[in-house]
Amino acid sequence: MQQILGHSDPAVTQRYSHLNKETVQEASEAASAKLRAAVEALDSPRPGLRVIDGGKN
């Protein structure tokens, strides 16, 4: 959390971050869903697109 908020000192994060367990869990689940969707989008074929092999094909 400290790095996400850009704090160099953990004491600053503790002072200004009043997070409860549910809030952190919800944020984690939202981030996980977005990452999962991004990975699935990368893994799924896209109609009309083809892989170019550096001009060797």
PDB file of N, CA and C in Angstrom:
ATOM      1  N   MET A   1       0.825  -1.172   0.000  1.00  0.00           N
ATOM      2  CA  MET A   1       0.000   0.000   0.000  1.00  0.00           C
ATOM      3  C   MET A   1       0.880   1.251   0.000  1.00  0.00           C
ATOM      4  N   GLN A   2       1.962   1.194   0.731  1.00  0.00           N
ATOM      5  CA  GLN A   2       2.884   2.330   0.818  1.00  0.00           C
ATOM      6  C   GLN A   2       3.380   2.746  -0.562  1.00  0.00           C
ATOM      7  N   GLN A   3       3.771   1.792  -1.381  1.00  0.00           N
ATOM      8  CA  GLN A   3       4.266   2.105  -2.722  1.00  0.00           C
ATOM      9  C   GLN A   3       3.158   2.631  -3.618  1.00  0.00           C
ATOM     10  N   ILE A   4       1.978   2.059  -3.525  1.00  0.00           N
ATOM     11  CA  ILE A   4       0.858   2.513  -4.345  1.00  0.00           C
ATOM     12  C   ILE A   4       0.544   3.971  -4.042  1.00  0.00           C
ATOM     13  N   LEU A   5       0.607   4.338  -2.758  1.00  0.00           N
ATOM     14  CA  LEU A   5       0.307   5.715  -2.361  1.00  0.00           C
ATOM     15  C   LEU A   5       1.493   6.651  -2.559  1.00  0.00           C
ATOM     16  N   GLY A   6       2.664   6.090  -2.850  1.00  0.00           N
ATOM     17  CA  GLY A   6       3.840   6.918  -3.115  1.00  0.00           C
ATOM     18  C   GLY A   6       4.525   7.454  -1.866  1.00  0.00           C
ATOM     19  N   HIS A   7       4.332   6.768  -0.750  1.00  0.00           N
ATOM     20  CA  HIS A   7       4.958   7.212   0.496  1.00  0.00           C
ATOM     21  C   HIS A   7       6.319   6.542   0.673  1.00  0.00           C
ATOM     22  N   SER A   8       7.312   7.330   1.043  1.00  0.00           N
ATOM     23  CA  SER A   8       8.642   6.751   1.272  1.00  0.00           C
ATOM     24  C   SER A   8       8.786   6.221   2.698  1.00  0.00           C
ATOM     25  N   ASP A   9       7.940   6.677   3.593  1.00  0.00           N
ATOM     26  CA  ASP A   9       8.028   6.294   4.999  1.00  0.00           C
ATOM     27  C   ASP A   9       6.748   5.548   5.401  1.00  0.00           C
ATOM     28  N   PRO A  10       6.874   4.345   5.943  1.00  0.00           N
ATOM     29  CA  PRO A  10       5.681   3.593   6.353  1.00  0.00           C
ATOM     30  C   PRO A  10       4.829   4.336   7.382  1.00  0.00           C
ATOM     31  N   ALA A  11       5.446   5.163   8.201  1.00  0.00           N
ATOM     32  CA  ALA A  11       4.691   5.915   9.207  1.00  0.00           C
ATOM     33  C   ALA A  11       3.694   6.868   8.549  1.00  0.00           C
ATOM     34  N   VAL A  12       4.063   7.427   7.400  1.00  0.00           N
ATOM     35  CA  VAL A  12       3.160   8.328   6.678  1.00  0.00           C
ATOM     36  C   VAL A  12       1.946   7.544   6.187  1.00  0.00           C
ATOM     37  N   THR A  13       2.196   6.358   5.642  1.00  0.00           N
ATOM     38  CA  THR A  13       1.098   5.522   5.164  1.00  0.00           C
ATOM     39  C   THR A  13       0.159   5.177   6.319  1.00  0.00           C
ATOM     40  N   GLN A  14       0.720   4.810   7.454  1.00  0.00           N
ATOM     41  CA  GLN A  14      -0.106   4.460   8.608  1.00  0.00           C
ATOM     42  C   GLN A  14      -0.912   5.656   9.099  1.00  0.00           C
ATOM     43  N   ARG A  15      -0.328   6.823   9.016  1.00  0.00           N
ATOM     44  CA  ARG A  15      -0.996   8.021   9.515  1.00  0.00           C
ATOM     45  C   ARG A  15      -2.181   8.431   8.640  1.00  0.00           C
ATOM     46  N   TYR A  16      -2.001   8.353   7.323  1.00  0.00           N
ATOM     47  CA  TYR A  16      -3.007   8.878   6.415  1.00  0.00           C
ATOM     48  C   TYR A  16      -3.910   7.822   5.786  1.00  0.00           C
ATOM     49  N   SER A  17      -3.593   6.571   5.951  1.00  0.00           N
ATOM     50  CA  SER A  17      -4.400   5.497   5.360  1.00  0.00           C
ATOM     51  C   SER A  17      -5.254   4.862   6.437  1.00  0.00           C
ATOM     52  N   HIS A  18      -6.510   5.214   6.430  1.00  0.00           N
ATOM     53  CA  HIS A  18      -7.437   4.645   7.398  1.00  0.00           C
ATOM     54  C   HIS A  18      -8.276   3.605   6.660  1.00  0.00           C
ATOM     55  N   LEU A  19      -7.668   2.445   6.466  1.00  0.00           N
ATOM     56  CA  LEU A  19      -8.297   1.396   5.677  1.00  0.00           C
ATOM     57  C   LEU A  19      -8.863   0.322   6.584  1.00  0.00           C
ATOM     58  N   ASN A  20     -10.063  -0.107   6.268  1.00  0.00           N
ATOM     59  CA  ASN A  20     -10.590  -1.240   6.998  1.00  0.00           C
ATOM     60  C   ASN A  20     -10.487  -2.470   6.111  1.00  0.00           C
ATOM     61  N   LYS A  21     -10.666  -3.621   6.714  1.00  0.00           N
ATOM     62  CA  LYS A  21     -10.469  -4.887   6.007  1.00  0.00           C
ATOM     63  C   LYS A  21     -11.369  -5.006   4.781  1.00  0.00           C
ATOM     64  N   GLU A  22     -12.630  -4.600   4.907  1.00  0.00           N
ATOM     65  CA  GLU A  22     -13.558  -4.721   3.784  1.00  0.00           C
ATOM     66  C   GLU A  22     -13.153  -3.837   2.607  1.00  0.00           C
ATOM     67  N   THR A  23     -12.696  -2.632   2.900  1.00  0.00           N
ATOM     68  CA  THR A  23     -12.280  -1.718   1.830  1.00  0.00           C
ATOM     69  C   THR A  23     -11.095  -2.290   1.067  1.00  0.00           C
ATOM     70  N   VAL A  24     -10.126  -2.818   1.789  1.00  0.00           N
ATOM     71  CA  VAL A  24      -8.948  -3.406   1.146  1.00  0.00           C
ATOM     72  C   VAL A  24      -9.359  -4.630   0.334  1.00  0.00           C
ATOM     73  N   GLN A  25     -10.247  -5.459   0.859  1.00  0.00           N
ATOM     74  CA  GLN A  25     -10.708  -6.649   0.148  1.00  0.00           C
ATOM     75  C   GLN A  25     -11.427  -6.267  -1.141  1.00  0.00           C
ATOM     76  N   GLU A  26     -12.296  -5.263  -1.077  1.00  0.00           N
ATOM     77  CA  GLU A  26     -13.022  -4.814  -2.272  1.00  0.00           C
ATOM     78  C   GLU A  26     -12.064  -4.268  -3.330  1.00  0.00           C
ATOM     79  N   ALA A  27     -11.078  -3.494  -2.905  1.00  0.00           N
ATOM     80  CA  ALA A  27     -10.102  -2.952  -3.845  1.00  0.00           C
ATOM     81  C   ALA A  27      -9.285  -4.066  -4.476  1.00  0.00           C
ATOM     82  N   SER A  28      -8.914  -5.050  -3.675  1.00  0.00           N
ATOM     83  CA  SER A  28      -8.151  -6.187  -4.183  1.00  0.00           C
ATOM     84  C   SER A  28      -8.956  -6.977  -5.206  1.00  0.00           C
ATOM     85  N   GLU A  29     -10.222  -7.202  -4.933  1.00  0.00           N
ATOM     86  CA  GLU A  29     -11.074  -7.946  -5.861  1.00  0.00           C
ATOM     87  C   GLU A  29     -11.291  -7.173  -7.164  1.00  0.00           C
ATOM     88  N   ALA A  30     -11.446  -5.858  -7.057  1.00  0.00           N
ATOM     89  CA  ALA A  30     -11.633  -5.031  -8.261  1.00  0.00           C
ATOM     90  C   ALA A  30     -10.376  -5.059  -9.125  1.00  0.00           C
ATOM     91  N   ALA A  31      -9.208  -4.934  -8.494  1.00  0.00           N
ATOM     92  CA  ALA A  31      -7.955  -4.974  -9.238  1.00  0.00           C
ATOM     93  C   ALA A  31      -7.745  -6.340  -9.867  1.00  0.00           C
ATOM     94  N   SER A  32      -8.075  -7.384  -9.138  1.00  0.00           N
ATOM     95  CA  SER A  32      -7.930  -8.742  -9.648  1.00  0.00           C
ATOM     96  C   SER A  32      -8.809  -8.962 -10.874  1.00  0.00           C
ATOM     97  N   ALA A  33     -10.036  -8.473 -10.815  1.00  0.00           N
ATOM     98  CA  ALA A  33     -10.949  -8.640 -11.948  1.00  0.00           C
ATOM     99  C   ALA A  33     -10.436  -7.913 -13.181  1.00  0.00           C
ATOM    100  N   LYS A  34      -9.913  -6.717 -12.997  1.00  0.00           N
ATOM    101  CA  LYS A  34      -9.381  -5.953 -14.139  1.00  0.00           C
ATOM    102  C   LYS A  34      -8.142  -6.631 -14.727  1.00  0.00           C
ATOM    103  N   LEU A  35      -7.267  -7.134 -13.865  1.00  0.00           N
ATOM    104  CA  LEU A  35      -6.075  -7.836 -14.351  1.00  0.00           C
ATOM    105  C   LEU A  35      -6.456  -9.116 -15.080  1.00  0.00           C
ATOM    106  N   ARG A  36      -7.416  -9.852 -14.534  1.00  0.00           N
ATOM    107  CA  ARG A  36      -7.869 -11.089 -15.173  1.00  0.00           C
ATOM    108  C   ARG A  36      -8.442 -10.793 -16.558  1.00  0.00           C
ATOM    109  N   ALA A  37      -9.243  -9.750 -16.661  1.00  0.00           N
ATOM    110  CA  ALA A  37      -9.832  -9.382 -17.947  1.00  0.00           C
ATOM    111  C   ALA A  37      -8.756  -8.981 -18.946  1.00  0.00           C
ATOM    112  N   ALA A  38      -7.741  -8.265 -18.480  1.00  0.00           N
ATOM    113  CA  ALA A  38      -6.657  -7.854 -19.373  1.00  0.00           C
ATOM    114  C   ALA A  38      -5.876  -9.058 -19.882  1.00  0.00           C
ATOM    115  N   VAL A  39      -5.595 -10.002 -19.014  1.00  0.00           N
ATOM    116  CA  VAL A  39      -4.861 -11.209 -19.415  1.00  0.00           C
ATOM    117  C   VAL A  39      -5.705 -12.032 -20.376  1.00  0.00           C
ATOM    118  N   GLU A  40      -6.986 -12.166 -20.100  1.00  0.00           N
ATOM    119  CA  GLU A  40      -7.858 -12.920 -20.998  1.00  0.00           C
ATOM    120  C   GLU A  40      -7.946 -12.255 -22.366  1.00  0.00           C
ATOM    121  N   ALA A  41      -7.955 -10.929 -22.387  1.00  0.00           N
ATOM    122  CA  ALA A  41      -8.002 -10.210 -23.666  1.00  0.00           C
ATOM    123  C   ALA A  41      -6.723 -10.452 -24.465  1.00  0.00           C
ATOM    124  N   LEU A  42      -5.604 -10.538 -23.781  1.00  0.00           N
ATOM    125  CA  LEU A  42      -4.339 -10.809 -24.473  1.00  0.00           C
ATOM    126  C   LEU A  42      -4.289 -12.234 -25.002  1.00  0.00           C
ATOM    127  N   ASP A  43      -4.902 -13.161 -24.269  1.00  0.00           N
ATOM    128  CA  ASP A  43      -4.866 -14.570 -24.650  1.00  0.00           C
ATOM    129  C   ASP A  43      -5.876 -14.937 -25.732  1.00  0.00           C
ATOM    130  N   SER A  44      -6.910 -14.117 -25.904  1.00  0.00           N
ATOM    131  CA  SER A  44      -7.951 -14.477 -26.864  1.00  0.00           C
ATOM    132  C   SER A  44      -7.584 -14.003 -28.265  1.00  0.00           C
ATOM    133  N   PRO A  45      -7.886 -14.831 -29.269  1.00  0.00           N
ATOM    134  CA  PRO A  45      -7.606 -14.436 -30.653  1.00  0.00           C
ATOM    135  C   PRO A  45      -8.500 -13.277 -31.075  1.00  0.00           C
ATOM    136  N   ARG A  46      -7.982 -12.440 -31.926  1.00  0.00           N
ATOM    137  CA  ARG A  46      -8.741 -11.296 -32.417  1.00  0.00           C
ATOM    138  C   ARG A  46      -8.985 -11.479 -33.908  1.00  0.00           C
ATOM    139  N   PRO A  47     -10.242 -11.576 -34.306  1.00  0.00           N
ATOM    140  CA  PRO A  47     -10.554 -11.747 -35.728  1.00  0.00           C
ATOM    141  C   PRO A  47      -9.974 -10.605 -36.555  1.00  0.00           C
ATOM    142  N   GLY A  48      -9.399 -10.947 -37.673  1.00  0.00           N
ATOM    143  CA  GLY A  48      -8.855  -9.931 -38.575  1.00  0.00           C
ATOM    144  C   GLY A  48      -7.425  -9.523 -38.274  1.00  0.00           C
ATOM    145  N   LEU A  49      -6.883  -9.975 -37.164  1.00  0.00           N
ATOM    146  CA  LEU A  49      -5.492  -9.654 -36.856  1.00  0.00           C
ATOM    147  C   LEU A  49      -4.623 -10.872 -37.075  1.00  0.00           C
ATOM    148  N   ARG A  50      -3.408 -10.641 -37.511  1.00  0.00           N
ATOM    149  CA  ARG A  50      -2.484 -11.755 -37.693  1.00  0.00           C
ATOM    150  C   ARG A  50      -1.135 -11.382 -37.079  1.00  0.00           C
ATOM    151  N   VAL A  51      -0.410 -12.374 -36.700  1.00  0.00           N
ATOM    152  CA  VAL A  51       0.912 -12.164 -36.107  1.00  0.00           C
ATOM    153  C   VAL A  51       1.905 -11.978 -37.219  1.00  0.00           C
ATOM    154  N   ILE A  52       2.709 -10.953 -37.116  1.00  0.00           N
ATOM    155  CA  ILE A  52       3.755 -10.682 -38.110  1.00  0.00           C
ATOM    156  C   ILE A  52       5.077 -11.077 -37.479  1.00  0.00           C
ATOM    157  N   ASP A  53       5.832 -11.917 -38.168  1.00  0.00           N
ATOM    158  CA  ASP A  53       7.072 -12.464 -37.634  1.00  0.00           C
ATOM    159  C   ASP A  53       8.258 -11.686 -38.181  1.00  0.00           C
ATOM    160  N   GLY A  54       8.347 -10.422 -37.862  1.00  0.00           N
ATOM    161  CA  GLY A  54       9.504  -9.615 -38.260  1.00  0.00           C
ATOM    162  C   GLY A  54       9.716  -9.561 -39.757  1.00  0.00           C
ATOM    163  N   GLY A  55       8.661  -9.734 -40.533  1.00  0.00           N
ATOM    164  CA  GLY A  55       8.788  -9.670 -41.987  1.00  0.00           C
ATOM    165  C   GLY A  55       9.294 -10.954 -42.628  1.00  0.00           C
ATOM    166  N   LYS A  56       9.397 -12.018 -41.855  1.00  0.00           N
ATOM    167  CA  LYS A  56       9.903 -13.297 -42.391  1.00  0.00           C
ATOM    168  C   LYS A  56       8.820 -14.121 -43.060  1.00  0.00           C
ATOM    169  N   ASN A  57       7.550 -13.754 -42.836  1.00  0.00           N
ATOM    170  CA  ASN A  57       6.450 -14.551 -43.419  1.00  0.00           C
ATOM    171  C   ASN A  57       6.074 -14.048 -44.779  1.00  0.00           C
TER     172      ASN A  57
END
